[in-house]
């Protein structure tokens, strides 16, 4: 019985460590540029937009921080509602957010 438990734990551990070696979310820009140039151009435009946004907020120093030393954290809030007008029911107003 001990051998079966040990073997089961060994397989579970091995599978977990093996799964962590390969990351499917890694973006290989050089490969995408060769295979899908339109996707690569969208990626470059997105990176340029983010860079421009950060520079416009930070004054060129690369940090999202203003003159009052407040760090700005961009946040997106999704409100799920049943079609009510803003401020009624579950469709809360911007002030409540």
N, C-alpha and C. Protein backbone atom coordinates (compact mmCIF):
# COMPACT_ATOMS: atom_id res chain seq x y z
N UNK A 1 0.81 -1.19 0.00
CA UNK A 1 0.00 0.00 0.00
C UNK A 1 0.86 1.26 0.00
N UNK A 2 1.97 1.21 0.77
CA UNK A 2 2.87 2.36 0.81
C UNK A 2 3.49 2.62 -0.55
N UNK A 3 3.78 1.54 -1.29
CA UNK A 3 4.37 1.70 -2.62
C UNK A 3 3.39 2.37 -3.57
N UNK A 4 2.14 2.03 -3.47
CA UNK A 4 1.12 2.61 -4.35
C UNK A 4 0.96 4.10 -4.06
N UNK A 5 0.92 4.45 -2.79
CA UNK A 5 0.81 5.86 -2.41
C UNK A 5 2.04 6.62 -2.86
N UNK A 6 3.22 6.06 -2.62
CA UNK A 6 4.45 6.71 -3.05
C UNK A 6 4.48 6.90 -4.56
N UNK A 7 4.09 5.87 -5.29
CA UNK A 7 4.08 5.94 -6.76
C UNK A 7 3.08 7.00 -7.22
N UNK A 8 1.91 7.05 -6.59
CA UNK A 8 0.91 8.06 -6.96
C UNK A 8 1.41 9.47 -6.70
N UNK A 9 2.04 9.69 -5.56
CA UNK A 9 2.60 11.02 -5.25
C UNK A 9 3.74 11.37 -6.19
N UNK A 10 4.56 10.39 -6.54
CA UNK A 10 5.66 10.62 -7.46
C UNK A 10 5.13 11.05 -8.83
N UNK A 11 4.12 10.37 -9.33
CA UNK A 11 3.54 10.71 -10.63
C UNK A 11 2.91 12.10 -10.58
N UNK A 12 2.19 12.40 -9.51
CA UNK A 12 1.56 13.72 -9.38
C UNK A 12 2.63 14.82 -9.34
N UNK A 13 3.70 14.61 -8.60
CA UNK A 13 4.78 15.59 -8.52
C UNK A 13 5.48 15.74 -9.86
N UNK A 14 5.76 14.64 -10.52
CA UNK A 14 6.45 14.67 -11.81
C UNK A 14 5.61 15.40 -12.84
N UNK A 15 4.32 15.13 -12.87
CA UNK A 15 3.44 15.77 -13.84
C UNK A 15 3.39 17.28 -13.59
N UNK A 16 3.34 17.71 -12.34
CA UNK A 16 3.30 19.13 -12.01
C UNK A 16 4.59 19.81 -12.42
N UNK A 17 5.73 19.22 -12.13
CA UNK A 17 7.00 19.86 -12.47
C UNK A 17 7.21 19.85 -13.98
N UNK A 18 6.78 18.84 -14.66
CA UNK A 18 6.93 18.80 -16.11
C UNK A 18 6.06 19.87 -16.76
N UNK A 19 4.86 20.07 -16.23
CA UNK A 19 3.95 21.05 -16.81
C UNK A 19 4.50 22.47 -16.66
N UNK A 20 5.31 22.71 -15.65
CA UNK A 20 5.82 24.05 -15.42
C UNK A 20 7.01 24.40 -16.30
N UNK A 21 7.60 23.43 -16.96
CA UNK A 21 8.75 23.71 -17.82
C UNK A 21 8.36 24.37 -19.13
N UNK A 22 7.17 24.10 -19.61
CA UNK A 22 6.74 24.60 -20.91
C UNK A 22 5.61 25.59 -20.68
N UNK A 23 5.80 26.81 -21.11
CA UNK A 23 4.77 27.84 -20.94
C UNK A 23 4.16 28.13 -22.31
N UNK A 24 2.88 27.88 -22.44
CA UNK A 24 2.20 28.09 -23.71
C UNK A 24 1.90 29.54 -23.97
N UNK A 25 1.99 30.38 -22.96
CA UNK A 25 1.63 31.78 -23.15
C UNK A 25 2.81 32.65 -23.57
N UNK A 26 3.97 32.08 -23.76
CA UNK A 26 5.13 32.85 -24.18
C UNK A 26 4.92 33.36 -25.59
N UNK A 27 5.12 34.65 -25.80
CA UNK A 27 4.94 35.26 -27.11
C UNK A 27 6.29 35.33 -27.80
N UNK A 28 6.44 34.60 -28.88
CA UNK A 28 7.66 34.59 -29.65
C UNK A 28 7.48 35.56 -30.81
N UNK A 29 7.93 36.81 -30.63
CA UNK A 29 7.70 37.87 -31.61
C UNK A 29 8.33 37.54 -32.96
N UNK A 30 9.52 36.97 -32.95
CA UNK A 30 10.20 36.66 -34.22
C UNK A 30 9.41 35.62 -35.01
N UNK A 31 8.89 34.61 -34.33
CA UNK A 31 8.12 33.57 -35.01
C UNK A 31 6.80 34.12 -35.53
N UNK A 32 6.14 34.97 -34.73
CA UNK A 32 4.87 35.55 -35.16
C UNK A 32 5.08 36.49 -36.34
N UNK A 33 6.19 37.20 -36.36
CA UNK A 33 6.48 38.11 -37.48
C UNK A 33 6.60 37.32 -38.78
N UNK A 34 7.15 36.13 -38.71
CA UNK A 34 7.31 35.30 -39.91
C UNK A 34 5.98 34.67 -40.32
N UNK A 35 5.23 34.15 -39.35
CA UNK A 35 4.03 33.38 -39.68
C UNK A 35 2.77 34.22 -39.82
N UNK A 36 2.63 35.31 -39.05
CA UNK A 36 1.40 36.12 -39.07
C UNK A 36 1.77 37.58 -38.89
N UNK A 37 2.13 38.23 -39.99
CA UNK A 37 2.64 39.60 -39.92
C UNK A 37 1.57 40.58 -39.42
N UNK A 38 0.30 40.35 -39.74
CA UNK A 38 -0.77 41.25 -39.27
C UNK A 38 -0.85 41.22 -37.74
N UNK A 39 -0.76 40.03 -37.15
CA UNK A 39 -0.78 39.91 -35.68
C UNK A 39 0.45 40.59 -35.08
N UNK A 40 1.58 40.43 -35.73
CA UNK A 40 2.81 41.06 -35.25
C UNK A 40 2.67 42.58 -35.26
N UNK A 41 2.08 43.14 -36.31
CA UNK A 41 1.90 44.59 -36.41
C UNK A 41 0.94 45.09 -35.31
N UNK A 42 -0.13 44.33 -35.02
CA UNK A 42 -1.03 44.70 -33.93
C UNK A 42 -0.29 44.69 -32.59
N UNK A 43 0.59 43.70 -32.42
CA UNK A 43 1.39 43.60 -31.19
C UNK A 43 2.29 44.83 -31.05
N UNK A 44 2.95 45.20 -32.12
CA UNK A 44 3.86 46.37 -32.10
C UNK A 44 3.06 47.64 -31.82
N UNK A 45 1.87 47.79 -32.44
CA UNK A 45 1.04 48.96 -32.19
C UNK A 45 0.59 49.02 -30.73
N UNK A 46 0.24 47.87 -30.17
CA UNK A 46 -0.18 47.83 -28.76
C UNK A 46 0.98 48.22 -27.84
N UNK A 47 2.16 47.69 -28.10
CA UNK A 47 3.33 48.03 -27.29
C UNK A 47 3.66 49.51 -27.39
N UNK A 48 3.53 50.09 -28.60
CA UNK A 48 3.80 51.51 -28.79
C UNK A 48 2.75 52.36 -28.06
N UNK A 49 1.48 51.93 -28.11
CA UNK A 49 0.41 52.65 -27.41
C UNK A 49 0.68 52.66 -25.90
N UNK A 50 1.05 51.51 -25.36
CA UNK A 50 1.33 51.41 -23.93
C UNK A 50 2.51 52.29 -23.54
N UNK A 51 3.54 52.28 -24.37
CA UNK A 51 4.72 53.11 -24.12
C UNK A 51 4.36 54.60 -24.16
N UNK A 52 3.58 54.99 -25.18
CA UNK A 52 3.17 56.40 -25.28
C UNK A 52 2.30 56.81 -24.09
N UNK A 53 1.40 55.92 -23.67
CA UNK A 53 0.53 56.22 -22.53
C UNK A 53 1.36 56.40 -21.27
N UNK A 54 2.27 55.49 -21.03
CA UNK A 54 3.11 55.60 -19.83
C UNK A 54 3.92 56.88 -19.84
N UNK A 55 4.47 57.24 -21.01
CA UNK A 55 5.28 58.46 -21.09
C UNK A 55 4.42 59.71 -20.92
N UNK A 56 3.17 59.68 -21.42
CA UNK A 56 2.30 60.85 -21.26
C UNK A 56 1.89 61.04 -19.81
N UNK A 57 1.68 59.96 -19.09
CA UNK A 57 1.29 60.05 -17.68
C UNK A 57 2.49 60.42 -16.81
N UNK A 58 3.64 59.82 -17.10
CA UNK A 58 4.78 59.94 -16.20
C UNK A 58 5.73 61.06 -16.55
N UNK A 59 5.52 61.73 -17.67
CA UNK A 59 6.43 62.79 -18.06
C UNK A 59 7.75 62.26 -18.59
N UNK A 60 7.79 61.03 -19.06
CA UNK A 60 8.99 60.49 -19.69
C UNK A 60 9.88 59.66 -18.79
N UNK A 61 9.58 59.57 -17.49
CA UNK A 61 10.47 58.81 -16.62
C UNK A 61 10.10 57.33 -16.56
N UNK A 62 9.00 56.93 -17.22
CA UNK A 62 8.65 55.52 -17.29
C UNK A 62 7.84 54.99 -16.12
N UNK A 63 7.52 55.84 -15.14
CA UNK A 63 6.75 55.40 -13.99
C UNK A 63 5.38 56.04 -14.03
N UNK A 64 4.37 55.29 -13.64
CA UNK A 64 3.02 55.84 -13.58
C UNK A 64 2.84 56.53 -12.23
N UNK A 65 3.43 57.72 -12.13
CA UNK A 65 3.37 58.47 -10.87
C UNK A 65 3.24 59.95 -11.23
N UNK A 66 2.40 60.68 -10.52
CA UNK A 66 2.23 62.09 -10.83
C UNK A 66 3.04 62.97 -9.90
N UNK A 67 2.88 64.28 -10.04
CA UNK A 67 3.70 65.23 -9.26
C UNK A 67 3.44 65.13 -7.76
N UNK A 68 2.27 64.66 -7.36
CA UNK A 68 1.95 64.54 -5.94
C UNK A 68 2.43 63.23 -5.34
N UNK A 69 3.24 62.49 -6.06
CA UNK A 69 3.77 61.19 -5.64
C UNK A 69 2.68 60.14 -5.47
N UNK A 70 1.59 60.29 -6.20
CA UNK A 70 0.53 59.29 -6.19
C UNK A 70 0.78 58.33 -7.35
N UNK A 71 0.79 57.06 -7.06
CA UNK A 71 0.99 56.06 -8.10
C UNK A 71 -0.36 55.78 -8.76
N UNK A 72 -0.38 55.84 -10.08
CA UNK A 72 -1.61 55.62 -10.84
C UNK A 72 -1.65 54.17 -11.29
N UNK A 73 -2.72 53.47 -10.91
CA UNK A 73 -2.91 52.08 -11.32
C UNK A 73 -4.14 52.02 -12.21
N UNK A 74 -3.94 51.82 -13.53
CA UNK A 74 -5.10 51.74 -14.42
C UNK A 74 -5.95 50.51 -14.07
N UNK A 75 -7.26 50.72 -13.94
CA UNK A 75 -8.19 49.65 -13.54
C UNK A 75 -9.38 49.67 -14.48
N UNK A 76 -9.85 48.50 -14.86
CA UNK A 76 -11.08 48.36 -15.64
C UNK A 76 -12.11 47.68 -14.77
N UNK A 77 -13.31 48.25 -14.72
CA UNK A 77 -14.39 47.69 -13.91
C UNK A 77 -15.53 47.31 -14.85
N UNK A 78 -15.98 46.08 -14.77
CA UNK A 78 -17.12 45.61 -15.56
C UNK A 78 -18.33 45.53 -14.64
N UNK A 79 -19.43 46.16 -15.08
CA UNK A 79 -20.66 46.15 -14.31
C UNK A 79 -21.66 45.24 -15.03
N UNK A 80 -22.12 44.23 -14.33
CA UNK A 80 -23.12 43.31 -14.88
C UNK A 80 -24.49 43.77 -14.40
N UNK A 81 -25.36 44.10 -15.34
CA UNK A 81 -26.70 44.57 -14.98
C UNK A 81 -27.69 44.08 -16.02
N UNK A 82 -28.95 44.32 -15.75
CA UNK A 82 -30.02 43.83 -16.63
C UNK A 82 -30.56 44.88 -17.57
N UNK A 83 -29.78 45.90 -17.92
CA UNK A 83 -30.22 46.92 -18.86
C UNK A 83 -30.81 48.15 -18.20
N UNK A 84 -30.70 48.27 -16.89
CA UNK A 84 -31.22 49.45 -16.20
C UNK A 84 -30.40 50.68 -16.62
N UNK A 85 -30.98 51.86 -16.43
CA UNK A 85 -30.22 53.08 -16.71
C UNK A 85 -29.16 53.27 -15.62
N UNK A 86 -28.17 54.09 -15.92
CA UNK A 86 -27.04 54.27 -15.01
C UNK A 86 -27.51 54.85 -13.68
N UNK A 87 -27.08 54.21 -12.59
CA UNK A 87 -27.42 54.64 -11.25
C UNK A 87 -28.66 53.96 -10.68
N UNK A 88 -29.29 53.10 -11.47
CA UNK A 88 -30.51 52.42 -11.03
C UNK A 88 -30.23 50.93 -10.89
N UNK A 89 -30.65 50.35 -9.78
CA UNK A 89 -30.51 48.91 -9.60
C UNK A 89 -29.05 48.48 -9.55
N UNK A 90 -28.73 47.45 -10.31
CA UNK A 90 -27.36 46.93 -10.31
C UNK A 90 -26.43 47.72 -11.22
N UNK A 91 -26.96 48.61 -12.04
CA UNK A 91 -26.13 49.43 -12.94
C UNK A 91 -25.68 50.67 -12.17
N UNK A 92 -24.64 50.50 -11.36
CA UNK A 92 -24.19 51.56 -10.46
C UNK A 92 -23.52 52.69 -11.24
N UNK A 93 -23.48 53.85 -10.65
CA UNK A 93 -22.90 55.03 -11.29
C UNK A 93 -21.37 55.02 -11.16
N UNK A 94 -20.74 55.93 -11.90
CA UNK A 94 -19.28 56.06 -11.86
C UNK A 94 -18.84 56.48 -10.45
N UNK A 95 -19.63 57.32 -9.80
CA UNK A 95 -19.29 57.76 -8.44
C UNK A 95 -19.26 56.59 -7.46
N UNK A 96 -20.18 55.63 -7.65
CA UNK A 96 -20.19 54.46 -6.77
C UNK A 96 -19.00 53.54 -7.03
N UNK A 97 -18.56 53.51 -8.25
CA UNK A 97 -17.39 52.66 -8.58
C UNK A 97 -16.18 53.22 -7.90
